[in-house]
Amino acid sequence: MEEWTIQQWEQKLSENKIVAFYLYTPMCGTCAVASKMLSVVEEVLPDTPIGKANINFIEQLAMDYKIESVPCLLIHHNGKLTDKIYAFQSVPFLYEKLKI
């Protein structure tokens, strides 16, 4: 999973039908598990852009989207936020949320 800047994320939103943006912090143990889960999903959905960002460096976005905790996955369909996921539950759960 590639680290994205806000500009890269905005570009992906304008170019793709579905986009996932994963927000984390390096010291978060739950985030490490969530990252591994998303890596599996990324392998089975290679055409779905999934990026990540350390929330400590994108504070304005966190405030704009009212991010309550990490890990957090923002899913956009056609440029509109459709899901804000905090409980990653399972790889099949994430796959269902991200498949087109």
PDB file of N, CA and C in Angstrom:
ATOM      1  N   MET A   1       0.856  -1.171   0.000  1.00  0.00           N
ATOM      2  CA  MET A   1       0.000   0.000   0.000  1.00  0.00           C
ATOM      3  C   MET A   1       0.903   1.235   0.000  1.00  0.00           C
ATOM      4  N   GLU A   2       0.587   2.132  -0.852  1.00  0.00           N
ATOM      5  CA  GLU A   2       1.397   3.330  -1.052  1.00  0.00           C
ATOM      6  C   GLU A   2       0.948   4.471  -0.139  1.00  0.00           C
ATOM      7  N   GLU A   3       1.925   5.206   0.389  1.00  0.00           N
ATOM      8  CA  GLU A   3       1.625   6.417   1.170  1.00  0.00           C
ATOM      9  C   GLU A   3       1.164   7.505   0.190  1.00  0.00           C
ATOM     10  N   TRP A   4       0.047   8.140   0.486  1.00  0.00           N
ATOM     11  CA  TRP A   4      -0.478   9.213  -0.363  1.00  0.00           C
ATOM     12  C   TRP A   4      -0.434  10.541   0.373  1.00  0.00           C
ATOM     13  N   THR A   5      -0.213  11.590  -0.395  1.00  0.00           N
ATOM     14  CA  THR A   5      -0.425  12.946   0.105  1.00  0.00           C
ATOM     15  C   THR A   5      -1.905  13.269  -0.108  1.00  0.00           C
ATOM     16  N   ILE A   6      -2.347  14.352   0.453  1.00  0.00           N
ATOM     17  CA  ILE A   6      -3.742  14.765   0.220  1.00  0.00           C
ATOM     18  C   ILE A   6      -3.969  15.036  -1.263  1.00  0.00           C
ATOM     19  N   GLN A   7      -2.975  15.604  -1.934  1.00  0.00           N
ATOM     20  CA  GLN A   7      -3.104  15.892  -3.362  1.00  0.00           C
ATOM     21  C   GLN A   7      -3.240  14.603  -4.170  1.00  0.00           C
ATOM     22  N   GLN A   8      -2.465  13.584  -3.831  1.00  0.00           N
ATOM     23  CA  GLN A   8      -2.579  12.308  -4.541  1.00  0.00           C
ATOM     24  C   GLN A   8      -3.955  11.688  -4.312  1.00  0.00           C
ATOM     25  N   TRP A   9      -4.431  11.766  -3.074  1.00  0.00           N
ATOM     26  CA  TRP A   9      -5.749  11.225  -2.741  1.00  0.00           C
ATOM     27  C   TRP A   9      -6.834  11.945  -3.542  1.00  0.00           C
ATOM     28  N   GLU A  10      -6.765  13.267  -3.598  1.00  0.00           N
ATOM     29  CA  GLU A  10      -7.757  14.036  -4.354  1.00  0.00           C
ATOM     30  C   GLU A  10      -7.714  13.682  -5.840  1.00  0.00           C
ATOM     31  N   GLN A  11      -6.530  13.452  -6.373  1.00  0.00           N
ATOM     32  CA  GLN A  11      -6.395  13.063  -7.780  1.00  0.00           C
ATOM     33  C   GLN A  11      -7.039  11.694  -8.015  1.00  0.00           C
ATOM     34  N   LYS A  12      -6.792  10.735  -7.117  1.00  0.00           N
ATOM     35  CA  LYS A  12      -7.400   9.407  -7.239  1.00  0.00           C
ATOM     36  C   LYS A  12      -8.925   9.509  -7.188  1.00  0.00           C
ATOM     37  N   LEU A  13      -9.438  10.389  -6.323  1.00  0.00           N
ATOM     38  CA  LEU A  13     -10.892  10.573  -6.228  1.00  0.00           C
ATOM     39  C   LEU A  13     -11.483  11.031  -7.552  1.00  0.00           C
ATOM     40  N   SER A  14     -10.768  11.911  -8.246  1.00  0.00           N
ATOM     41  CA  SER A  14     -11.295  12.448  -9.509  1.00  0.00           C
ATOM     42  C   SER A  14     -11.138  11.471 -10.669  1.00  0.00           C
ATOM     43  N   GLU A  15     -10.252  10.485 -10.532  1.00  0.00           N
ATOM     44  CA  GLU A  15      -9.955   9.575 -11.641  1.00  0.00           C
ATOM     45  C   GLU A  15     -10.605   8.183 -11.527  1.00  0.00           C
ATOM     46  N   ASN A  16     -11.118   7.842 -10.361  1.00  0.00           N
ATOM     47  CA  ASN A  16     -11.578   6.473 -10.137  1.00  0.00           C
ATOM     48  C   ASN A  16     -12.993   6.426  -9.580  1.00  0.00           C
ATOM     49  N   LYS A  17     -13.688   5.325  -9.882  1.00  0.00           N
ATOM     50  CA  LYS A  17     -15.054   5.134  -9.394  1.00  0.00           C
ATOM     51  C   LYS A  17     -15.075   4.887  -7.888  1.00  0.00           C
ATOM     52  N   ILE A  18     -14.112   4.089  -7.406  1.00  0.00           N
ATOM     53  CA  ILE A  18     -14.034   3.789  -5.981  1.00  0.00           C
ATOM     54  C   ILE A  18     -12.594   4.001  -5.513  1.00  0.00           C
ATOM     55  N   VAL A  19     -12.459   4.618  -4.339  1.00  0.00           N
ATOM     56  CA  VAL A  19     -11.142   4.906  -3.768  1.00  0.00           C
ATOM     57  C   VAL A  19     -11.221   4.679  -2.259  1.00  0.00           C
ATOM     58  N   ALA A  20     -10.173   4.044  -1.721  1.00  0.00           N
ATOM     59  CA  ALA A  20     -10.087   3.845  -0.276  1.00  0.00           C
ATOM     60  C   ALA A  20      -8.844   4.556   0.255  1.00  0.00           C
ATOM     61  N   PHE A  21      -9.015   5.269   1.352  1.00  0.00           N
ATOM     62  CA  PHE A  21      -7.912   6.005   1.978  1.00  0.00           C
ATOM     63  C   PHE A  21      -7.841   5.561   3.433  1.00  0.00           C
ATOM     64  N   TYR A  22      -6.743   4.912   3.767  1.00  0.00           N
ATOM     65  CA  TYR A  22      -6.543   4.312   5.078  1.00  0.00           C
ATOM     66  C   TYR A  22      -5.721   5.260   5.954  1.00  0.00           C
ATOM     67  N   LEU A  23      -6.256   5.602   7.107  1.00  0.00           N
ATOM     68  CA  LEU A  23      -5.596   6.518   8.029  1.00  0.00           C
ATOM     69  C   LEU A  23      -5.130   5.750   9.256  1.00  0.00           C
ATOM     70  N   TYR A  24      -3.884   5.995   9.664  1.00  0.00           N
ATOM     71  CA  TYR A  24      -3.281   5.239  10.748  1.00  0.00           C
ATOM     72  C   TYR A  24      -2.292   6.114  11.524  1.00  0.00           C
ATOM     73  N   THR A  25      -1.752   5.556  12.601  1.00  0.00           N
ATOM     74  CA  THR A  25      -0.584   6.128  13.272  1.00  0.00           C
ATOM     75  C   THR A  25       0.426   4.993  13.445  1.00  0.00           C
ATOM     76  N   PRO A  26       1.706   5.310  13.413  1.00  0.00           N
ATOM     77  CA  PRO A  26       2.731   4.264  13.480  1.00  0.00           C
ATOM     78  C   PRO A  26       2.741   3.471  14.789  1.00  0.00           C
ATOM     79  N   MET A  27       2.344   4.057  15.886  1.00  0.00           N
ATOM     80  CA  MET A  27       2.405   3.401  17.185  1.00  0.00           C
ATOM     81  C   MET A  27       1.126   2.621  17.528  1.00  0.00           C
ATOM     82  N   CYS A  28       0.194   2.562  16.626  1.00  0.00           N
ATOM     83  CA  CYS A  28      -1.104   1.914  16.867  1.00  0.00           C
ATOM     84  C   CYS A  28      -1.013   0.425  16.510  1.00  0.00           C
ATOM     85  N   GLY A  29      -1.169  -0.445  17.517  1.00  0.00           N
ATOM     86  CA  GLY A  29      -1.111  -1.882  17.280  1.00  0.00           C
ATOM     87  C   GLY A  29      -2.248  -2.388  16.416  1.00  0.00           C
ATOM     88  N   THR A  30      -3.444  -1.867  16.642  1.00  0.00           N
ATOM     89  CA  THR A  30      -4.599  -2.259  15.831  1.00  0.00           C
ATOM     90  C   THR A  30      -4.392  -1.851  14.379  1.00  0.00           C
ATOM     91  N   CYS A  31      -3.718  -0.733  14.176  1.00  0.00           N
ATOM     92  CA  CYS A  31      -3.437  -0.262  12.812  1.00  0.00           C
ATOM     93  C   CYS A  31      -2.530  -1.239  12.071  1.00  0.00           C
ATOM     94  N   ALA A  32      -1.582  -1.852  12.789  1.00  0.00           N
ATOM     95  CA  ALA A  32      -0.684  -2.822  12.154  1.00  0.00           C
ATOM     96  C   ALA A  32      -1.482  -4.014  11.627  1.00  0.00           C
ATOM     97  N   VAL A  33      -2.446  -4.483  12.401  1.00  0.00           N
ATOM     98  CA  VAL A  33      -3.304  -5.592  11.965  1.00  0.00           C
ATOM     99  C   VAL A  33      -4.164  -5.144  10.782  1.00  0.00           C
ATOM    100  N   ALA A  34      -4.732  -3.948  10.877  1.00  0.00           N
ATOM    101  CA  ALA A  34      -5.574  -3.419   9.798  1.00  0.00           C
ATOM    102  C   ALA A  34      -4.768  -3.278   8.503  1.00  0.00           C
ATOM    103  N   SER A  35      -3.520  -2.853   8.613  1.00  0.00           N
ATOM    104  CA  SER A  35      -2.660  -2.720   7.429  1.00  0.00           C
ATOM    105  C   SER A  35      -2.467  -4.060   6.733  1.00  0.00           C
ATOM    106  N   LYS A  36      -2.253  -5.103   7.521  1.00  0.00           N
ATOM    107  CA  LYS A  36      -2.078  -6.431   6.939  1.00  0.00           C
ATOM    108  C   LYS A  36      -3.359  -6.891   6.242  1.00  0.00           C
ATOM    109  N   MET A  37      -4.494  -6.620   6.856  1.00  0.00           N
ATOM    110  CA  MET A  37      -5.764  -6.987   6.242  1.00  0.00           C
ATOM    111  C   MET A  37      -5.959  -6.261   4.911  1.00  0.00           C
ATOM    112  N   LEU A  38      -5.658  -4.973   4.893  1.00  0.00           N
ATOM    113  CA  LEU A  38      -5.819  -4.194   3.664  1.00  0.00           C
ATOM    114  C   LEU A  38      -4.838  -4.635   2.588  1.00  0.00           C
ATOM    115  N   SER A  39      -3.657  -5.086   2.982  1.00  0.00           N
ATOM    116  CA  SER A  39      -2.691  -5.582   2.000  1.00  0.00           C
ATOM    117  C   SER A  39      -3.243  -6.804   1.272  1.00  0.00           C
ATOM    118  N   VAL A  40      -3.955  -7.674   2.000  1.00  0.00           N
ATOM    119  CA  VAL A  40      -4.580  -8.841   1.379  1.00  0.00           C
ATOM    120  C   VAL A  40      -5.670  -8.391   0.407  1.00  0.00           C
ATOM    121  N   VAL A  41      -6.494  -7.464   0.838  1.00  0.00           N
ATOM    122  CA  VAL A  41      -7.567  -6.949  -0.020  1.00  0.00           C
ATOM    123  C   VAL A  41      -6.978  -6.299  -1.272  1.00  0.00           C
ATOM    124  N   GLU A  42      -5.896  -5.568  -1.096  1.00  0.00           N
ATOM    125  CA  GLU A  42      -5.240  -4.908  -2.222  1.00  0.00           C
ATOM    126  C   GLU A  42      -4.758  -5.925  -3.259  1.00  0.00           C
ATOM    127  N   GLU A  43      -4.317  -7.104  -2.797  1.00  0.00           N
ATOM    128  CA  GLU A  43      -3.868  -8.158  -3.717  1.00  0.00           C
ATOM    129  C   GLU A  43      -5.021  -8.717  -4.551  1.00  0.00           C
ATOM    130  N   VAL A  44      -6.191  -8.854  -3.945  1.00  0.00           N
ATOM    131  CA  VAL A  44      -7.326  -9.440  -4.677  1.00  0.00           C
ATOM    132  C   VAL A  44      -8.139  -8.390  -5.449  1.00  0.00           C
ATOM    133  N   LEU A  45      -7.921  -7.121  -5.148  1.00  0.00           N
ATOM    134  CA  LEU A  45      -8.580  -6.027  -5.882  1.00  0.00           C
ATOM    135  C   LEU A  45      -7.518  -5.048  -6.403  1.00  0.00           C
ATOM    136  N   PRO A  46      -6.667  -5.509  -7.319  1.00  0.00           N
ATOM    137  CA  PRO A  46      -5.549  -4.663  -7.764  1.00  0.00           C
ATOM    138  C   PRO A  46      -5.965  -3.392  -8.505  1.00  0.00           C
ATOM    139  N   ASP A  47      -7.180  -3.342  -9.025  1.00  0.00           N
ATOM    140  CA  ASP A  47      -7.631  -2.156  -9.759  1.00  0.00           C
ATOM    141  C   ASP A  47      -8.286  -1.112  -8.862  1.00  0.00           C
ATOM    142  N   THR A  48      -8.446  -1.428  -7.595  1.00  0.00           N
ATOM    143  CA  THR A  48      -9.040  -0.483  -6.650  1.00  0.00           C
ATOM    144  C   THR A  48      -7.923   0.284  -5.953  1.00  0.00           C
ATOM    145  N   PRO A  49      -7.866   1.601  -6.148  1.00  0.00           N
ATOM    146  CA  PRO A  49      -6.818   2.377  -5.491  1.00  0.00           C
ATOM    147  C   PRO A  49      -7.035   2.419  -3.973  1.00  0.00           C
ATOM    148  N   ILE A  50      -6.016   1.950  -3.240  1.00  0.00           N
ATOM    149  CA  ILE A  50      -6.032   1.996  -1.786  1.00  0.00           C
ATOM    150  C   ILE A  50      -4.735   2.662  -1.352  1.00  0.00           C
ATOM    151  N   GLY A  51      -4.859   3.799  -0.721  1.00  0.00           N
ATOM    152  CA  GLY A  51      -3.679   4.509  -0.236  1.00  0.00           C
ATOM    153  C   GLY A  51      -3.751   4.659   1.263  1.00  0.00           C
ATOM    154  N   LYS A  52      -2.645   5.083   1.845  1.00  0.00           N
ATOM    155  CA  LYS A  52      -2.616   5.272   3.290  1.00  0.00           C
ATOM    156  C   LYS A  52      -1.893   6.559   3.634  1.00  0.00           C
ATOM    157  N   ALA A  53      -2.185   7.046   4.844  1.00  0.00           N
ATOM    158  CA  ALA A  53      -1.511   8.244   5.331  1.00  0.00           C
ATOM    159  C   ALA A  53      -1.467   8.220   6.854  1.00  0.00           C
ATOM    160  N   ASN A  54      -0.354   8.690   7.378  1.00  0.00           N
ATOM    161  CA  ASN A  54      -0.202   8.872   8.815  1.00  0.00           C
ATOM    162  C   ASN A  54      -1.048  10.077   9.205  1.00  0.00           C
ATOM    163  N   ILE A  55      -2.033   9.849  10.041  1.00  0.00           N
ATOM    164  CA  ILE A  55      -2.988  10.913  10.389  1.00  0.00           C
ATOM    165  C   ILE A  55      -2.308  12.103  11.081  1.00  0.00           C
ATOM    166  N   ASN A  56      -1.144  11.859  11.672  1.00  0.00           N
ATOM    167  CA  ASN A  56      -0.414  12.947  12.332  1.00  0.00           C
ATOM    168  C   ASN A  56       0.025  14.031  11.352  1.00  0.00           C
ATOM    169  N   PHE A  57       0.133  13.686  10.065  1.00  0.00           N
ATOM    170  CA  PHE A  57       0.596  14.636   9.062  1.00  0.00           C
ATOM    171  C   PHE A  57      -0.534  15.232   8.221  1.00  0.00           C
ATOM    172  N   ILE A  58      -1.762  14.806   8.478  1.00  0.00           N
ATOM    173  CA  ILE A  58      -2.894  15.321   7.700  1.00  0.00           C
ATOM    174  C   ILE A  58      -4.018  15.745   8.648  1.00  0.00           C
ATOM    175  N   GLU A  59      -3.672  16.548   9.621  1.00  0.00           N
ATOM    176  CA  GLU A  59      -4.622  16.942  10.659  1.00  0.00           C
ATOM    177  C   GLU A  59      -5.868  17.625  10.111  1.00  0.00           C
ATOM    178  N   GLN A  60      -5.713  18.454   9.092  1.00  0.00           N
ATOM    179  CA  GLN A  60      -6.874  19.163   8.552  1.00  0.00           C
ATOM    180  C   GLN A  60      -7.883  18.191   7.955  1.00  0.00           C
ATOM    181  N   LEU A  61      -7.393  17.191   7.237  1.00  0.00           N
ATOM    182  CA  LEU A  61      -8.291  16.184   6.676  1.00  0.00           C
ATOM    183  C   LEU A  61      -9.000  15.439   7.796  1.00  0.00           C
ATOM    184  N   ALA A  62      -8.273  15.117   8.853  1.00  0.00           N
ATOM    185  CA  ALA A  62      -8.880  14.420   9.993  1.00  0.00           C
ATOM    186  C   ALA A  62      -9.995  15.255  10.611  1.00  0.00           C
ATOM    187  N   MET A  63      -9.785  16.546  10.703  1.00  0.00           N
ATOM    188  CA  MET A  63     -10.830  17.423  11.244  1.00  0.00           C
ATOM    189  C   MET A  63     -11.995  17.551  10.270  1.00  0.00           C
ATOM    190  N   ASP A  64     -11.700  17.705   8.987  1.00  0.00           N
ATOM    191  CA  ASP A  64     -12.749  17.852   7.971  1.00  0.00           C
ATOM    192  C   ASP A  64     -13.670  16.626   7.939  1.00  0.00           C
ATOM    193  N   TYR A  65     -13.100  15.440   8.090  1.00  0.00           N
ATOM    194  CA  TYR A  65     -13.880  14.202   8.040  1.00  0.00           C
ATOM    195  C   TYR A  65     -14.301  13.712   9.419  1.00  0.00           C
ATOM    196  N   LYS A  66     -13.985  14.510  10.445  1.00  0.00           N
ATOM    197  CA  LYS A  66     -14.366  14.168  11.826  1.00  0.00           C
ATOM    198  C   LYS A  66     -13.915  12.747  12.188  1.00  0.00           C
ATOM    199  N   ILE A  67     -12.643  12.465  11.936  1.00  0.00           N
ATOM    200  CA  ILE A  67     -12.073  11.158  12.258  1.00  0.00           C
ATOM    201  C   ILE A  67     -11.997  11.033  13.773  1.00  0.00           C
ATOM    202  N   GLU A  68     -12.602   9.991  14.304  1.00  0.00           N
ATOM    203  CA  GLU A  68     -12.694   9.803  15.751  1.00  0.00           C
ATOM    204  C   GLU A  68     -11.547   8.976  16.317  1.00  0.00           C
ATOM    205  N   SER A  69     -11.009   8.053  15.519  1.00  0.00           N
ATOM    206  CA  SER A  69      -9.916   7.215  15.984  1.00  0.00           C
ATOM    207  C   SER A  69      -9.256   6.539  14.787  1.00  0.00           C
ATOM    208  N   VAL A  70      -8.159   5.870  15.056  1.00  0.00           N
ATOM    209  CA  VAL A  70      -7.493   5.066  14.035  1.00  0.00           C
ATOM    210  C   VAL A  70      -7.442   3.633  14.523  1.00  0.00           C
ATOM    211  N   PRO A  71      -7.434   2.690  13.611  1.00  0.00           N
ATOM    212  CA  PRO A  71      -7.441   2.858  12.169  1.00  0.00           C
ATOM    213  C   PRO A  71      -8.794   3.337  11.648  1.00  0.00           C
ATOM    214  N   CYS A  72      -8.735   4.013  10.511  1.00  0.00           N
ATOM    215  CA  CYS A  72      -9.951   4.488   9.862  1.00  0.00           C
ATOM    216  C   CYS A  72      -9.786   4.326   8.353  1.00  0.00           C
ATOM    217  N   LEU A  73     -10.807   3.812   7.712  1.00  0.00           N
ATOM    218  CA  LEU A  73     -10.800   3.652   6.260  1.00  0.00           C
ATOM    219  C   LEU A  73     -11.921   4.490   5.673  1.00  0.00           C
ATOM    220  N   LEU A  74     -11.541   5.461   4.846  1.00  0.00           N
ATOM    221  CA  LEU A  74     -12.515   6.282   4.135  1.00  0.00           C
ATOM    222  C   LEU A  74     -12.731   5.670   2.759  1.00  0.00           C
ATOM    223  N   ILE A  75     -13.969   5.352   2.430  1.00  0.00           N
ATOM    224  CA  ILE A  75     -14.288   4.774   1.125  1.00  0.00           C
ATOM    225  C   ILE A  75     -15.183   5.750   0.376  1.00  0.00           C
ATOM    226  N   HIS A  76     -14.748   6.091  -0.822  1.00  0.00           N
ATOM    227  CA  HIS A  76     -15.510   7.002  -1.679  1.00  0.00           C
ATOM    228  C   HIS A  76     -15.954   6.264  -2.938  1.00  0.00           C
ATOM    229  N   HIS A  77     -17.221   6.446  -3.307  1.00  0.00           N
ATOM    230  CA  HIS A  77     -17.753   5.978  -4.583  1.00  0.00           C
ATOM    231  C   HIS A  77     -18.133   7.218  -5.383  1.00  0.00           C
ATOM    232  N   ASN A  78     -17.605   7.309  -6.590  1.00  0.00           N
ATOM    233  CA  ASN A  78     -17.893   8.448  -7.470  1.00  0.00           C
ATOM    234  C   ASN A  78     -17.645   9.783  -6.771  1.00  0.00           C
ATOM    235  N   GLY A  79     -16.555   9.844  -5.997  1.00  0.00           N
ATOM    236  CA  GLY A  79     -16.164  11.092  -5.346  1.00  0.00           C
ATOM    237  C   GLY A  79     -16.902  11.426  -4.060  1.00  0.00           C
ATOM    238  N   LYS A  80     -17.847  10.569  -3.642  1.00  0.00           N
ATOM    239  CA  LYS A  80     -18.631  10.842  -2.436  1.00  0.00           C
ATOM    240  C   LYS A  80     -18.315   9.809  -1.353  1.00  0.00           C
ATOM    241  N   LEU A  81     -18.157  10.290  -0.128  1.00  0.00           N
ATOM    242  CA  LEU A  81     -17.888   9.399   0.990  1.00  0.00           C
ATOM    243  C   LEU A  81     -19.090   8.486   1.221  1.00  0.00           C
ATOM    244  N   THR A  82     -18.840   7.176   1.168  1.00  0.00           N
ATOM    245  CA  THR A  82     -19.916   6.218   1.399  1.00  0.00           C
ATOM    246  C   THR A  82     -19.711   5.435   2.692  1.00  0.00           C
ATOM    247  N   ASP A  83     -18.463   5.296   3.124  1.00  0.00           N
ATOM    248  CA  ASP A  83     -18.176   4.550   4.346  1.00  0.00           C
ATOM    249  C   ASP A  83     -17.006   5.167   5.092  1.00  0.00           C
ATOM    250  N   LYS A  84     -17.122   5.175   6.394  1.00  0.00           N
ATOM    251  CA  LYS A  84     -16.022   5.543   7.289  1.00  0.00           C
ATOM    252  C   LYS A  84     -15.927   4.386   8.280  1.00  0.00           C
ATOM    253  N   ILE A  85     -14.943   3.511   8.079  1.00  0.00           N
ATOM    254  CA  ILE A  85     -14.862   2.259   8.829  1.00  0.00           C
ATOM    255  C   ILE A  85     -13.778   2.343   9.895  1.00  0.00           C
ATOM    256  N   TYR A  86     -14.153   2.034  11.118  1.00  0.00           N
ATOM    257  CA  TYR A  86     -13.202   1.959  12.231  1.00  0.00           C
ATOM    258  C   TYR A  86     -12.960   0.511  12.641  1.00  0.00           C
ATOM    259  N   ALA A  87     -13.971  -0.325  12.548  1.00  0.00           N
ATOM    260  CA  ALA A  87     -13.868  -1.740  12.907  1.00  0.00           C
ATOM    261  C   ALA A  87     -13.665  -2.547  11.631  1.00  0.00           C
ATOM    262  N   PHE A  88     -12.447  -2.987  11.397  1.00  0.00           N
ATOM    263  CA  PHE A  88     -12.117  -3.636  10.134  1.00  0.00           C
ATOM    264  C   PHE A  88     -12.628  -5.073  10.056  1.00  0.00           C
ATOM    265  N   GLN A  89     -13.073  -5.655  11.126  1.00  0.00           N
ATOM    266  CA  GLN A  89     -13.750  -6.952  11.237  1.00  0.00           C
ATOM    267  C   GLN A  89     -13.005  -8.113  10.583  1.00  0.00           C
ATOM    268  N   SER A  90     -12.915  -8.137   9.252  1.00  0.00           N
ATOM    269  CA  SER A  90     -12.278  -9.271   8.556  1.00  0.00           C
ATOM    270  C   SER A  90     -11.910  -8.856   7.135  1.00  0.00           C
ATOM    271  N   VAL A  91     -11.066  -9.670   6.509  1.00  0.00           N
ATOM    272  CA  VAL A  91     -10.712  -9.427   5.110  1.00  0.00           C
ATOM    273  C   VAL A  91     -11.955  -9.544   4.221  1.00  0.00           C
ATOM    274  N   PRO A  92     -12.803 -10.576   4.383  1.00  0.00           N
ATOM    275  CA  PRO A  92     -14.016 -10.641   3.551  1.00  0.00           C
ATOM    276  C   PRO A  92     -14.924  -9.412   3.720  1.00  0.00           C
ATOM    277  N   PHE A  93     -15.026  -8.888   4.936  1.00  0.00           N
ATOM    278  CA  PHE A  93     -15.828  -7.683   5.181  1.00  0.00           C
ATOM    279  C   PHE A  93     -15.277  -6.512   4.364  1.00  0.00           C
ATOM    280  N   LEU A  94     -13.968  -6.307   4.415  1.00  0.00           N
ATOM    281  CA  LEU A  94     -13.344  -5.209   3.655  1.00  0.00           C
ATOM    282  C   LEU A  94     -13.475  -5.427   2.147  1.00  0.00           C
ATOM    283  N   TYR A  95     -13.315  -6.670   1.733  1.00  0.00           N
ATOM    284  CA  TYR A  95     -13.457  -6.998   0.305  1.00  0.00           C
ATOM    285  C   TYR A  95     -14.851  -6.616  -0.195  1.00  0.00           C
ATOM    286  N   GLU A  96     -15.872  -6.964   0.567  1.00  0.00           N
ATOM    287  CA  GLU A  96     -17.245  -6.643   0.167  1.00  0.00           C
ATOM    288  C   GLU A  96     -17.459  -5.136   0.074  1.00  0.00           C
ATOM    289  N   LYS A  97     -16.843  -4.394   0.964  1.00  0.00           N
ATOM    290  CA  LYS A  97     -16.988  -2.936   0.958  1.00  0.00           C
ATOM    291  C   LYS A  97     -16.288  -2.302  -0.250  1.00  0.00           C
ATOM    292  N   LEU A  98     -15.227  -2.940  -0.746  1.00  0.00           N
ATOM    293  CA  LEU A  98     -14.413  -2.316  -1.779  1.00  0.00           C
ATOM    294  C   LEU A  98     -14.598  -2.875  -3.185  1.00  0.00           C
ATOM    295  N   LYS A  99     -15.265  -4.003  -3.303  1.00  0.00           N
ATOM    296  CA  LYS A  99     -15.436  -4.534  -4.656  1.00  0.00           C
ATOM    297  C   LYS A  99     -16.432  -3.658  -5.419  1.00  0.00           C
ATOM    298  N   ILE A 100     -16.213  -3.594  -6.718  1.00  0.00           N
ATOM    299  CA  ILE A 100     -17.064  -2.727  -7.542  1.00  0.00           C
ATOM    300  C   ILE A 100     -18.287  -3.487  -7.992  1.00  0.00           C
TER     301      ILE A 100
END
